[in-house]
Amino acid sequence: MIRIEGTITTESVRASCVAGALAPDNLSGMETAAAGNEVVTAIRGEHLRSVTASVDDYLMNLAIAEEVCSYLLEKVGRA
């Protein structure tokens, strides 16, 4: 059995907002947290196609979360 593990780390001035927006969408084998100005997501799995699909979905969700948190910061004054 193969085991696939990786970490995606992205910088963001709104890291806690972005991590909070992403965490509810985590699948089993995924953990997302803010660490300072970084969003850190650990991904684990046993099937390459599933892990690849999860990473693809995560990156799309990451882009949307960044946009939403930026909007909240600019328009509402909080993120």
N, C-alpha and C. Protein backbone atom coordinates (compact mmCIF):
# COMPACT_ATOMS: atom_id res chain seq x y z
N MET A 1 0.84 -1.17 0.00
CA MET A 1 0.00 0.00 0.00
C MET A 1 0.89 1.24 0.00
N ILE A 2 0.53 2.19 -0.81
CA ILE A 2 1.29 3.44 -0.91
C ILE A 2 0.69 4.48 0.04
N ARG A 3 1.54 5.31 0.60
CA ARG A 3 1.08 6.39 1.48
C ARG A 3 1.61 7.70 0.90
N ILE A 4 0.71 8.63 0.66
CA ILE A 4 1.07 9.92 0.09
C ILE A 4 0.84 10.98 1.15
N GLU A 5 1.84 11.81 1.38
CA GLU A 5 1.74 12.88 2.38
C GLU A 5 2.36 14.14 1.81
N GLY A 6 1.78 15.27 2.16
CA GLY A 6 2.34 16.54 1.73
C GLY A 6 1.76 17.69 2.53
N THR A 7 2.42 18.81 2.41
CA THR A 7 1.97 20.03 3.08
C THR A 7 1.96 21.16 2.08
N ILE A 8 0.87 21.92 2.09
CA ILE A 8 0.77 23.12 1.26
C ILE A 8 0.81 24.31 2.21
N THR A 9 1.77 25.19 2.00
CA THR A 9 1.92 26.38 2.83
C THR A 9 1.83 27.60 1.94
N THR A 10 0.92 28.52 2.27
CA THR A 10 0.77 29.76 1.51
C THR A 10 0.80 30.94 2.46
N GLU A 11 1.39 32.03 2.01
CA GLU A 11 1.42 33.24 2.82
C GLU A 11 0.15 34.04 2.60
N SER A 12 -0.34 34.65 3.68
CA SER A 12 -1.53 35.49 3.59
C SER A 12 -1.55 36.44 4.78
N VAL A 13 -1.86 37.70 4.53
CA VAL A 13 -2.00 38.65 5.64
C VAL A 13 -3.32 38.39 6.38
N ARG A 14 -4.17 37.56 5.80
CA ARG A 14 -5.45 37.19 6.40
C ARG A 14 -5.48 35.69 6.69
N ALA A 15 -4.37 35.14 7.18
CA ALA A 15 -4.22 33.69 7.32
C ALA A 15 -5.30 33.06 8.18
N SER A 16 -5.65 33.67 9.30
CA SER A 16 -6.67 33.03 10.15
C SER A 16 -8.04 33.05 9.50
N CYS A 17 -8.37 34.09 8.76
CA CYS A 17 -9.64 34.13 8.04
C CYS A 17 -9.66 33.06 6.95
N VAL A 18 -8.59 32.97 6.19
CA VAL A 18 -8.51 32.00 5.10
C VAL A 18 -8.56 30.57 5.64
N ALA A 19 -7.77 30.29 6.68
CA ALA A 19 -7.77 28.94 7.27
C ALA A 19 -9.15 28.60 7.82
N GLY A 20 -9.80 29.56 8.45
CA GLY A 20 -11.13 29.33 8.98
C GLY A 20 -12.14 29.04 7.90
N ALA A 21 -11.99 29.70 6.75
CA ALA A 21 -12.90 29.47 5.63
C ALA A 21 -12.65 28.10 4.98
N LEU A 22 -11.41 27.65 4.98
CA LEU A 22 -11.07 26.39 4.33
C LEU A 22 -11.35 25.16 5.19
N ALA A 23 -11.18 25.28 6.49
CA ALA A 23 -11.25 24.11 7.38
C ALA A 23 -12.54 23.31 7.27
N PRO A 24 -13.72 23.92 7.13
CA PRO A 24 -14.94 23.10 7.05
C PRO A 24 -14.99 22.19 5.82
N ASP A 25 -14.24 22.53 4.77
CA ASP A 25 -14.23 21.71 3.56
C ASP A 25 -13.18 20.60 3.59
N ASN A 26 -12.39 20.53 4.66
CA ASN A 26 -11.37 19.48 4.74
C ASN A 26 -12.01 18.10 4.70
N LEU A 27 -11.41 17.24 3.91
CA LEU A 27 -11.82 15.85 3.87
C LEU A 27 -11.02 15.09 4.93
N SER A 28 -11.36 13.83 5.16
CA SER A 28 -10.52 13.05 6.07
C SER A 28 -9.12 12.99 5.46
N GLY A 29 -8.14 13.11 6.29
CA GLY A 29 -6.77 13.14 5.79
C GLY A 29 -6.27 14.54 5.49
N MET A 30 -7.06 15.55 5.81
CA MET A 30 -6.64 16.95 5.61
C MET A 30 -6.79 17.72 6.91
N GLU A 31 -5.83 18.58 7.18
CA GLU A 31 -5.89 19.46 8.34
C GLU A 31 -5.38 20.83 7.91
N THR A 32 -6.14 21.88 8.22
CA THR A 32 -5.78 23.25 7.85
C THR A 32 -5.73 24.11 9.10
N ALA A 33 -4.68 24.93 9.19
CA ALA A 33 -4.54 25.85 10.33
C ALA A 33 -3.75 27.08 9.88
N ALA A 34 -3.94 28.15 10.63
CA ALA A 34 -3.14 29.36 10.42
C ALA A 34 -1.94 29.30 11.35
N ALA A 35 -0.80 29.73 10.84
CA ALA A 35 0.42 29.81 11.64
C ALA A 35 1.08 31.14 11.30
N GLY A 36 0.80 32.16 12.11
CA GLY A 36 1.31 33.50 11.79
C GLY A 36 0.66 34.01 10.53
N ASN A 37 1.48 34.33 9.54
CA ASN A 37 0.95 34.83 8.27
C ASN A 37 0.93 33.73 7.20
N GLU A 38 0.81 32.48 7.64
CA GLU A 38 0.76 31.36 6.71
C GLU A 38 -0.47 30.50 6.96
N VAL A 39 -1.00 29.96 5.88
CA VAL A 39 -2.05 28.95 5.94
C VAL A 39 -1.36 27.63 5.62
N VAL A 40 -1.46 26.68 6.54
CA VAL A 40 -0.75 25.41 6.39
C VAL A 40 -1.79 24.28 6.34
N THR A 41 -1.73 23.51 5.26
CA THR A 41 -2.64 22.37 5.11
C THR A 41 -1.83 21.11 4.88
N ALA A 42 -2.04 20.13 5.74
CA ALA A 42 -1.41 18.81 5.59
C ALA A 42 -2.42 17.89 4.92
N ILE A 43 -1.94 17.14 3.94
CA ILE A 43 -2.80 16.22 3.19
C ILE A 43 -2.16 14.83 3.21
N ARG A 44 -2.98 13.82 3.52
CA ARG A 44 -2.52 12.45 3.53
C ARG A 44 -3.54 11.58 2.80
N GLY A 45 -3.06 10.56 2.15
CA GLY A 45 -3.96 9.64 1.48
C GLY A 45 -3.23 8.43 0.98
N GLU A 46 -3.99 7.51 0.41
CA GLU A 46 -3.41 6.26 -0.08
C GLU A 46 -3.59 6.07 -1.59
N HIS A 47 -4.39 6.92 -2.21
CA HIS A 47 -4.64 6.80 -3.65
C HIS A 47 -4.25 8.10 -4.34
N LEU A 48 -3.34 8.02 -5.28
CA LEU A 48 -2.81 9.21 -5.94
C LEU A 48 -3.91 10.05 -6.58
N ARG A 49 -4.85 9.42 -7.25
CA ARG A 49 -5.93 10.19 -7.90
C ARG A 49 -6.77 10.95 -6.88
N SER A 50 -7.05 10.34 -5.75
CA SER A 50 -7.84 11.01 -4.72
C SER A 50 -7.08 12.19 -4.13
N VAL A 51 -5.81 11.99 -3.86
CA VAL A 51 -4.99 13.08 -3.30
C VAL A 51 -4.87 14.21 -4.31
N THR A 52 -4.65 13.87 -5.57
CA THR A 52 -4.55 14.89 -6.62
C THR A 52 -5.86 15.68 -6.74
N ALA A 53 -6.98 15.00 -6.70
CA ALA A 53 -8.29 15.68 -6.77
C ALA A 53 -8.50 16.56 -5.55
N SER A 54 -8.09 16.08 -4.38
CA SER A 54 -8.23 16.88 -3.15
C SER A 54 -7.38 18.14 -3.22
N VAL A 55 -6.16 18.02 -3.72
CA VAL A 55 -5.29 19.19 -3.86
C VAL A 55 -5.88 20.18 -4.86
N ASP A 56 -6.40 19.68 -5.96
CA ASP A 56 -7.02 20.54 -6.97
C ASP A 56 -8.20 21.31 -6.37
N ASP A 57 -9.07 20.61 -5.66
CA ASP A 57 -10.21 21.26 -5.01
C ASP A 57 -9.74 22.27 -3.96
N TYR A 58 -8.75 21.88 -3.20
CA TYR A 58 -8.22 22.76 -2.15
C TYR A 58 -7.70 24.07 -2.75
N LEU A 59 -6.95 23.97 -3.83
CA LEU A 59 -6.38 25.18 -4.44
C LEU A 59 -7.46 26.12 -4.96
N MET A 60 -8.54 25.57 -5.50
CA MET A 60 -9.66 26.39 -5.95
C MET A 60 -10.32 27.06 -4.75
N ASN A 61 -10.54 26.29 -3.69
CA ASN A 61 -11.14 26.84 -2.47
C ASN A 61 -10.24 27.89 -1.83
N LEU A 62 -8.93 27.68 -1.90
CA LEU A 62 -7.97 28.64 -1.36
C LEU A 62 -8.10 29.99 -2.07
N ALA A 63 -8.19 29.95 -3.38
CA ALA A 63 -8.32 31.20 -4.15
C ALA A 63 -9.62 31.93 -3.78
N ILE A 64 -10.69 31.19 -3.63
CA ILE A 64 -11.97 31.80 -3.27
C ILE A 64 -11.92 32.36 -1.85
N ALA A 65 -11.33 31.61 -0.93
CA ALA A 65 -11.22 32.07 0.46
C ALA A 65 -10.39 33.36 0.55
N GLU A 66 -9.31 33.43 -0.21
CA GLU A 66 -8.50 34.65 -0.24
C GLU A 66 -9.32 35.84 -0.72
N GLU A 67 -10.10 35.64 -1.77
CA GLU A 67 -10.94 36.71 -2.31
C GLU A 67 -11.98 37.17 -1.30
N VAL A 68 -12.65 36.22 -0.67
CA VAL A 68 -13.69 36.56 0.31
C VAL A 68 -13.08 37.29 1.50
N CYS A 69 -11.97 36.80 2.01
CA CYS A 69 -11.33 37.46 3.16
C CYS A 69 -10.80 38.83 2.79
N SER A 70 -10.30 39.01 1.58
CA SER A 70 -9.86 40.33 1.12
C SER A 70 -11.04 41.29 1.05
N TYR A 71 -12.16 40.79 0.51
CA TYR A 71 -13.37 41.61 0.41
C TYR A 71 -13.83 42.04 1.80
N LEU A 72 -13.87 41.09 2.74
CA LEU A 72 -14.29 41.43 4.10
C LEU A 72 -13.39 42.49 4.71
N LEU A 73 -12.10 42.37 4.50
CA LEU A 73 -11.16 43.33 5.06
C LEU A 73 -11.36 44.72 4.44
N GLU A 74 -11.54 44.77 3.12
CA GLU A 74 -11.68 46.05 2.42
C GLU A 74 -13.04 46.70 2.65
N LYS A 75 -14.12 45.93 2.56
CA LYS A 75 -15.47 46.49 2.59
C LYS A 75 -16.09 46.57 3.98
N VAL A 76 -15.76 45.59 4.80
CA VAL A 76 -16.39 45.52 6.12
C VAL A 76 -15.41 45.94 7.22
N GLY A 77 -14.14 45.89 6.90
CA GLY A 77 -13.11 46.29 7.86
C GLY A 77 -12.68 45.20 8.80
N ARG A 78 -13.02 43.96 8.48
CA ARG A 78 -12.54 42.84 9.30
C ARG A 78 -12.38 41.61 8.43
N ALA A 79 -11.47 40.77 8.83
CA ALA A 79 -11.25 39.50 8.11
C ALA A 79 -10.72 38.46 9.06
